[in-house]
């Protein structure tokens, strides 16, 4: 598997690519080292560079840069939790399969969660320029990728595919919120004191 070809195909030809993925044999280690880890690194690496090197332009305050060590530690923790989140979501996908007339298969479930996360990981590149962070919303395309791939890989009937997808998306959101809370609790980002409107610098 060529990682660049896989990213391009899953983003622009998901219907065809999920059929190819369905027939592939993978190992957990191989999928992590060959696909999940490289793509999951995009957001944290770009975020560290963006916030510590380029900074964010804020009205009245100018360009704000956060301490490199704080941002780096925050990025590492977020990266590790994202790797765990993919596997936890795969366990949920696998566990829910029988409820939607699908077939339990952990390897297939991991492929679903890994490859459907492609869009969410790729848009992490926008973190390189903090002002473009809003473009990260394009990562929601991953929900559509999940919808296309879930029934195929887990062998669930099409009529139950949408409900299956919605339930998995809800679980994914819960996982994301919990992990964001853990990150914020363990490593709160430094606060920025902005000048009050009309304030005189140095006063």
C-alpha atoms as a PDB file:
ATOM      1  CA  UNK A   1       0.000   0.000   0.000  1.00  0.00           C
ATOM      2  CA  UNK A   2       1.314   3.416  -0.998  1.00  0.00           C
ATOM      3  CA  UNK A   3       0.198   5.840   1.686  1.00  0.00           C
ATOM      4  CA  UNK A   4      -0.134   8.780  -0.720  1.00  0.00           C
ATOM      5  CA  UNK A   5      -2.223   6.754  -3.166  1.00  0.00           C
ATOM      6  CA  UNK A   6      -4.411   5.509  -0.340  1.00  0.00           C
ATOM      7  CA  UNK A   7      -5.025   9.031   0.962  1.00  0.00           C
ATOM      8  CA  UNK A   8      -5.883  10.329  -2.514  1.00  0.00           C
ATOM      9  CA  UNK A   9      -8.164   7.406  -3.327  1.00  0.00           C
ATOM     10  CA  UNK A  10     -10.035   7.325  -0.028  1.00  0.00           C
ATOM     11  CA  UNK A  11     -10.675  11.069  -0.221  1.00  0.00           C
ATOM     12  CA  UNK A  12     -11.692  11.318  -3.872  1.00  0.00           C
ATOM     13  CA  UNK A  13     -12.907   7.801  -4.750  1.00  0.00           C
ATOM     14  CA  UNK A  14     -14.189   6.383  -1.443  1.00  0.00           C
ATOM     15  CA  UNK A  15     -16.704   4.020  -3.032  1.00  0.00           C
ATOM     16  CA  UNK A  16     -14.078   2.204  -5.073  1.00  0.00           C
ATOM     17  CA  UNK A  17     -11.366   2.378  -2.440  1.00  0.00           C
ATOM     18  CA  UNK A  18     -13.462   0.839   0.331  1.00  0.00           C
ATOM     19  CA  UNK A  19     -13.954  -2.184  -1.929  1.00  0.00           C
ATOM     20  CA  UNK A  20     -10.185  -2.490  -2.289  1.00  0.00           C
ATOM     21  CA  UNK A  21      -9.622  -2.034   1.444  1.00  0.00           C
ATOM     22  CA  UNK A  22     -12.217  -4.681   2.237  1.00  0.00           C
ATOM     23  CA  UNK A  23     -10.109  -7.348   0.544  1.00  0.00           C
ATOM     24  CA  UNK A  24      -6.802  -6.370   2.137  1.00  0.00           C
ATOM     25  CA  UNK A  25      -5.226  -8.325   4.956  1.00  0.00           C
ATOM     26  CA  UNK A  26      -3.629  -6.159   7.624  1.00  0.00           C
ATOM     27  CA  UNK A  27      -1.983  -6.405  11.013  1.00  0.00           C
ATOM     28  CA  UNK A  28      -2.603  -3.912  13.783  1.00  0.00           C
ATOM     29  CA  UNK A  29       1.081  -3.018  13.901  1.00  0.00           C
ATOM     30  CA  UNK A  30       1.330  -2.645  10.153  1.00  0.00           C
ATOM     31  CA  UNK A  31      -1.697  -0.383   9.946  1.00  0.00           C
ATOM     32  CA  UNK A  32      -0.413   1.804  12.769  1.00  0.00           C
ATOM     33  CA  UNK A  33       3.136   2.198  11.497  1.00  0.00           C
ATOM     34  CA  UNK A  34       2.231   2.402   7.821  1.00  0.00           C
ATOM     35  CA  UNK A  35      -0.794   4.684   7.974  1.00  0.00           C
ATOM     36  CA  UNK A  36      -2.232   5.766  11.320  1.00  0.00           C
ATOM     37  CA  UNK A  37       0.914   7.159  12.933  1.00  0.00           C
ATOM     38  CA  UNK A  38       2.174   9.143   9.906  1.00  0.00           C
ATOM     39  CA  UNK A  39      -1.211  10.787   9.338  1.00  0.00           C
ATOM     40  CA  UNK A  40      -2.033  11.322  13.012  1.00  0.00           C
ATOM     41  CA  UNK A  41       1.258  13.225  13.339  1.00  0.00           C
ATOM     42  CA  UNK A  42       0.200  15.905  10.851  1.00  0.00           C
ATOM     43  CA  UNK A  43      -2.021  17.880  13.217  1.00  0.00           C
ATOM     44  CA  UNK A  44       0.231  17.841  16.309  1.00  0.00           C
ATOM     45  CA  UNK A  45       3.406  18.643  14.360  1.00  0.00           C
ATOM     46  CA  UNK A  46       1.790  21.471  12.414  1.00  0.00           C
ATOM     47  CA  UNK A  47       0.114  22.745  15.572  1.00  0.00           C
ATOM     48  CA  UNK A  48       3.400  22.899  17.471  1.00  0.00           C
ATOM     49  CA  UNK A  49       5.094  24.772  14.629  1.00  0.00           C
ATOM     50  CA  UNK A  50       2.121  27.057  14.068  1.00  0.00           C
ATOM     51  CA  UNK A  51       1.585  28.156  17.669  1.00  0.00           C
ATOM     52  CA  UNK A  52       5.229  28.351  18.783  1.00  0.00           C
ATOM     53  CA  UNK A  53       6.964  29.599  15.632  1.00  0.00           C
ATOM     54  CA  UNK A  54       4.441  31.500  13.524  1.00  0.00           C
ATOM     55  CA  UNK A  55       1.951  32.364  16.244  1.00  0.00           C
ATOM     56  CA  UNK A  56      -1.561  33.742  15.941  1.00  0.00           C
ATOM     57  CA  UNK A  57      -2.387  37.311  15.050  1.00  0.00           C
ATOM     58  CA  UNK A  58      -4.824  38.780  17.563  1.00  0.00           C
ATOM     59  CA  UNK A  59      -6.284  42.293  17.264  1.00  0.00           C
ATOM     60  CA  UNK A  60      -4.831  44.748  19.826  1.00  0.00           C
ATOM     61  CA  UNK A  61      -2.245  42.185  20.908  1.00  0.00           C
ATOM     62  CA  UNK A  62      -0.325  41.529  17.704  1.00  0.00           C
ATOM     63  CA  UNK A  63       1.208  38.133  17.022  1.00  0.00           C
ATOM     64  CA  UNK A  64       1.008  35.761  19.989  1.00  0.00           C
ATOM     65  CA  UNK A  65       3.345  32.788  20.287  1.00  0.00           C
ATOM     66  CA  UNK A  66       3.022  30.158  22.991  1.00  0.00           C
ATOM     67  CA  UNK A  67       6.049  28.630  24.785  1.00  0.00           C
ATOM     68  CA  UNK A  68       7.543  25.868  22.640  1.00  0.00           C
ATOM     69  CA  UNK A  69       7.863  23.323  25.466  1.00  0.00           C
ATOM     70  CA  UNK A  70       4.229  23.769  26.528  1.00  0.00           C
ATOM     71  CA  UNK A  71       2.936  23.421  22.975  1.00  0.00           C
ATOM     72  CA  UNK A  72       5.220  20.429  22.291  1.00  0.00           C
ATOM     73  CA  UNK A  73       4.079  18.560  25.403  1.00  0.00           C
ATOM     74  CA  UNK A  74       0.459  19.333  24.578  1.00  0.00           C
ATOM     75  CA  UNK A  75       0.968  18.057  21.021  1.00  0.00           C
ATOM     76  CA  UNK A  76       2.592  14.815  22.182  1.00  0.00           C
ATOM     77  CA  UNK A  77      -0.248  14.057  24.580  1.00  0.00           C
ATOM     78  CA  UNK A  78      -2.863  14.832  21.921  1.00  0.00           C
ATOM     79  CA  UNK A  79      -1.055  12.559  19.463  1.00  0.00           C
ATOM     80  CA  UNK A  80      -0.863   9.634  21.895  1.00  0.00           C
ATOM     81  CA  UNK A  81      -4.533   9.995  22.814  1.00  0.00           C
ATOM     82  CA  UNK A  82      -5.524  10.101  19.140  1.00  0.00           C
ATOM     83  CA  UNK A  83      -3.748   6.784  18.552  1.00  0.00           C
ATOM     84  CA  UNK A  84      -5.646   5.277  21.451  1.00  0.00           C
ATOM     85  CA  UNK A  85      -8.899   6.824  20.245  1.00  0.00           C
ATOM     86  CA  UNK A  86      -8.703   5.071  16.869  1.00  0.00           C
ATOM     87  CA  UNK A  87      -8.387   1.694  18.568  1.00  0.00           C
ATOM     88  CA  UNK A  88     -11.102   2.397  21.146  1.00  0.00           C
ATOM     89  CA  UNK A  89     -13.501   3.447  18.391  1.00  0.00           C
ATOM     90  CA  UNK A  90     -12.637   0.273  16.467  1.00  0.00           C
ATOM     91  CA  UNK A  91     -13.603  -1.774  19.534  1.00  0.00           C
ATOM     92  CA  UNK A  92     -16.950   0.032  19.575  1.00  0.00           C
ATOM     93  CA  UNK A  93     -17.487  -0.515  15.831  1.00  0.00           C
ATOM     94  CA  UNK A  94     -16.740  -4.195  16.263  1.00  0.00           C
ATOM     95  CA  UNK A  95     -18.934  -4.545  19.344  1.00  0.00           C
ATOM     96  CA  UNK A  96     -21.907  -2.838  17.697  1.00  0.00           C
ATOM     97  CA  UNK A  97     -21.746  -4.854  14.486  1.00  0.00           C
ATOM     98  CA  UNK A  98     -24.166  -7.647  15.514  1.00  0.00           C
ATOM     99  CA  UNK A  99     -26.755  -5.063  16.615  1.00  0.00           C
ATOM    100  CA  UNK A 100     -26.900  -3.841  13.010  1.00  0.00           C
ATOM    101  CA  UNK A 101     -26.782  -7.300  11.400  1.00  0.00           C
ATOM    102  CA  UNK A 102     -23.065  -6.906  10.717  1.00  0.00           C
ATOM    103  CA  UNK A 103     -20.202  -9.317  11.262  1.00  0.00           C
ATOM    104  CA  UNK A 104     -17.764  -8.881  14.127  1.00  0.00           C
ATOM    105  CA  UNK A 105     -14.209  -8.572  12.838  1.00  0.00           C
ATOM    106  CA  UNK A 106     -11.712  -6.431  14.736  1.00  0.00           C
ATOM    107  CA  UNK A 107      -9.296  -6.123  11.817  1.00  0.00           C
ATOM    108  CA  UNK A 108     -12.066  -4.776   9.601  1.00  0.00           C
ATOM    109  CA  UNK A 109     -13.259  -2.447  12.351  1.00  0.00           C
ATOM    110  CA  UNK A 110      -9.768  -0.981  12.746  1.00  0.00           C
ATOM    111  CA  UNK A 111      -9.526  -0.443   9.010  1.00  0.00           C
ATOM    112  CA  UNK A 112     -12.849   1.406   9.104  1.00  0.00           C
ATOM    113  CA  UNK A 113     -11.825   3.765  11.895  1.00  0.00           C
ATOM    114  CA  UNK A 114      -8.311   4.321  10.534  1.00  0.00           C
ATOM    115  CA  UNK A 115      -9.134   5.038   6.913  1.00  0.00           C
ATOM    116  CA  UNK A 116     -12.290   7.020   7.611  1.00  0.00           C
ATOM    117  CA  UNK A 117     -10.205   9.314   9.864  1.00  0.00           C
ATOM    118  CA  UNK A 118      -8.066  10.318   6.874  1.00  0.00           C
ATOM    119  CA  UNK A 119      -9.829  13.622   6.212  1.00  0.00           C
ATOM    120  CA  UNK A 120      -9.704  14.641   9.878  1.00  0.00           C
ATOM    121  CA  UNK A 121      -5.967  13.955   9.983  1.00  0.00           C
ATOM    122  CA  UNK A 122      -5.089  15.593   6.671  1.00  0.00           C
ATOM    123  CA  UNK A 123      -6.776  18.899   7.543  1.00  0.00           C
ATOM    124  CA  UNK A 124      -4.416  19.066  10.521  1.00  0.00           C
ATOM    125  CA  UNK A 125      -2.017  20.735   8.088  1.00  0.00           C
ATOM    126  CA  UNK A 126      -4.027  23.937   8.491  1.00  0.00           C
ATOM    127  CA  UNK A 127      -2.772  24.123  12.081  1.00  0.00           C
ATOM    128  CA  UNK A 128       0.500  25.315  10.592  1.00  0.00           C
ATOM    129  CA  UNK A 129      -1.187  28.708  10.184  1.00  0.00           C
ATOM    130  CA  UNK A 130      -3.390  29.150  13.306  1.00  0.00           C
ATOM    131  CA  UNK A 131      -5.501  31.729  11.508  1.00  0.00           C
ATOM    132  CA  UNK A 132      -6.649  29.019   9.091  1.00  0.00           C
ATOM    133  CA  UNK A 133      -7.818  26.695  11.866  1.00  0.00           C
ATOM    134  CA  UNK A 134     -11.434  27.194  10.776  1.00  0.00           C
ATOM    135  CA  UNK A 135     -10.627  25.171   7.644  1.00  0.00           C
ATOM    136  CA  UNK A 136     -10.300  22.169   9.931  1.00  0.00           C
ATOM    137  CA  UNK A 137     -14.067  21.849   9.531  1.00  0.00           C
ATOM    138  CA  UNK A 138     -13.329  20.071   6.261  1.00  0.00           C
ATOM    139  CA  UNK A 139     -12.331  17.184   8.509  1.00  0.00           C
ATOM    140  CA  UNK A 140     -16.043  16.497   8.968  1.00  0.00           C
ATOM    141  CA  UNK A 141     -15.778  14.759   5.603  1.00  0.00           C
ATOM    142  CA  UNK A 142     -14.495  11.821   7.658  1.00  0.00           C
ATOM    143  CA  UNK A 143     -18.087  11.206   8.758  1.00  0.00           C
ATOM    144  CA  UNK A 144     -19.065  10.671   5.143  1.00  0.00           C
ATOM    145  CA  UNK A 145     -16.108   8.328   4.641  1.00  0.00           C
ATOM    146  CA  UNK A 146     -17.290   6.370   7.670  1.00  0.00           C
ATOM    147  CA  UNK A 147     -20.793   6.158   6.224  1.00  0.00           C
ATOM    148  CA  UNK A 148     -19.449   4.776   2.945  1.00  0.00           C
ATOM    149  CA  UNK A 149     -17.080   2.265   4.498  1.00  0.00           C
ATOM    150  CA  UNK A 150     -18.873   0.960   7.566  1.00  0.00           C
ATOM    151  CA  UNK A 151     -21.493  -1.222   5.820  1.00  0.00           C
ATOM    152  CA  UNK A 152     -18.913  -2.546   3.353  1.00  0.00           C
ATOM    153  CA  UNK A 153     -16.242  -3.659   5.798  1.00  0.00           C
ATOM    154  CA  UNK A 154     -18.539  -4.767   8.624  1.00  0.00           C
ATOM    155  CA  UNK A 155     -20.978  -6.469   6.219  1.00  0.00           C
ATOM    156  CA  UNK A 156     -23.984  -4.602   7.540  1.00  0.00           C
ATOM    157  CA  UNK A 157     -27.047  -4.252   5.269  1.00  0.00           C
ATOM    158  CA  UNK A 158     -27.357  -0.879   3.551  1.00  0.00           C
ATOM    159  CA  UNK A 159     -30.710  -0.149   5.173  1.00  0.00           C
ATOM    160  CA  UNK A 160     -29.022  -0.223   8.577  1.00  0.00           C
ATOM    161  CA  UNK A 161     -25.840   1.502   7.472  1.00  0.00           C
ATOM    162  CA  UNK A 162     -27.000   5.044   8.241  1.00  0.00           C
ATOM    163  CA  UNK A 163     -28.181   4.216  11.757  1.00  0.00           C
ATOM    164  CA  UNK A 164     -24.993   2.251  12.410  1.00  0.00           C
ATOM    165  CA  UNK A 165     -22.945   5.233  11.226  1.00  0.00           C
ATOM    166  CA  UNK A 166     -24.859   7.747  13.361  1.00  0.00           C
ATOM    167  CA  UNK A 167     -24.352   5.651  16.493  1.00  0.00           C
ATOM    168  CA  UNK A 168     -20.630   5.305  15.780  1.00  0.00           C
ATOM    169  CA  UNK A 169     -20.318   9.061  15.128  1.00  0.00           C
ATOM    170  CA  UNK A 170     -21.950   9.808  18.477  1.00  0.00           C
ATOM    171  CA  UNK A 171     -19.463   7.470  20.157  1.00  0.00           C
ATOM    172  CA  UNK A 172     -16.595   9.148  18.296  1.00  0.00           C
ATOM    173  CA  UNK A 173     -17.718  12.585  19.477  1.00  0.00           C
ATOM    174  CA  UNK A 174     -17.900  11.358  23.066  1.00  0.00           C
ATOM    175  CA  UNK A 175     -14.390   9.903  22.788  1.00  0.00           C
ATOM    176  CA  UNK A 176     -13.090  13.176  21.326  1.00  0.00           C
ATOM    177  CA  UNK A 177     -14.680  15.267  24.097  1.00  0.00           C
ATOM    178  CA  UNK A 178     -13.316  12.986  26.825  1.00  0.00           C
ATOM    179  CA  UNK A 179      -9.805  13.048  25.362  1.00  0.00           C
ATOM    180  CA  UNK A 180      -9.897  16.820  24.928  1.00  0.00           C
ATOM    181  CA  UNK A 181     -10.943  17.122  28.568  1.00  0.00           C
ATOM    182  CA  UNK A 182      -8.105  14.819  29.656  1.00  0.00           C
ATOM    183  CA  UNK A 183      -5.605  16.875  27.663  1.00  0.00           C
ATOM    184  CA  UNK A 184      -6.902  20.145  29.113  1.00  0.00           C
ATOM    185  CA  UNK A 185      -6.854  18.742  32.635  1.00  0.00           C
ATOM    186  CA  UNK A 186      -3.327  17.335  32.468  1.00  0.00           C
ATOM    187  CA  UNK A 187      -1.770  20.054  30.332  1.00  0.00           C
ATOM    188  CA  UNK A 188      -3.720  23.305  30.325  1.00  0.00           C
ATOM    189  CA  UNK A 189      -2.476  25.640  27.611  1.00  0.00           C
ATOM    190  CA  UNK A 190      -0.880  28.897  28.818  1.00  0.00           C
ATOM    191  CA  UNK A 191      -3.348  31.769  29.042  1.00  0.00           C
ATOM    192  CA  UNK A 192      -2.854  34.993  27.118  1.00  0.00           C
ATOM    193  CA  UNK A 193      -3.512  38.345  28.796  1.00  0.00           C
ATOM    194  CA  UNK A 194      -4.846  40.715  26.154  1.00  0.00           C
ATOM    195  CA  UNK A 195      -4.769  44.473  26.600  1.00  0.00           C
ATOM    196  CA  UNK A 196      -8.066  46.172  27.324  1.00  0.00           C
ATOM    197  CA  UNK A 197      -9.459  48.382  24.551  1.00  0.00           C
ATOM    198  CA  UNK A 198      -8.039  51.875  24.949  1.00  0.00           C
ATOM    199  CA  UNK A 199      -5.367  50.750  27.372  1.00  0.00           C
ATOM    200  CA  UNK A 200      -1.974  52.404  27.113  1.00  0.00           C
ATOM    201  CA  UNK A 201       0.875  49.891  26.696  1.00  0.00           C
ATOM    202  CA  UNK A 202       2.995  49.665  29.808  1.00  0.00           C
ATOM    203  CA  UNK A 203       0.334  51.211  32.065  1.00  0.00           C
END
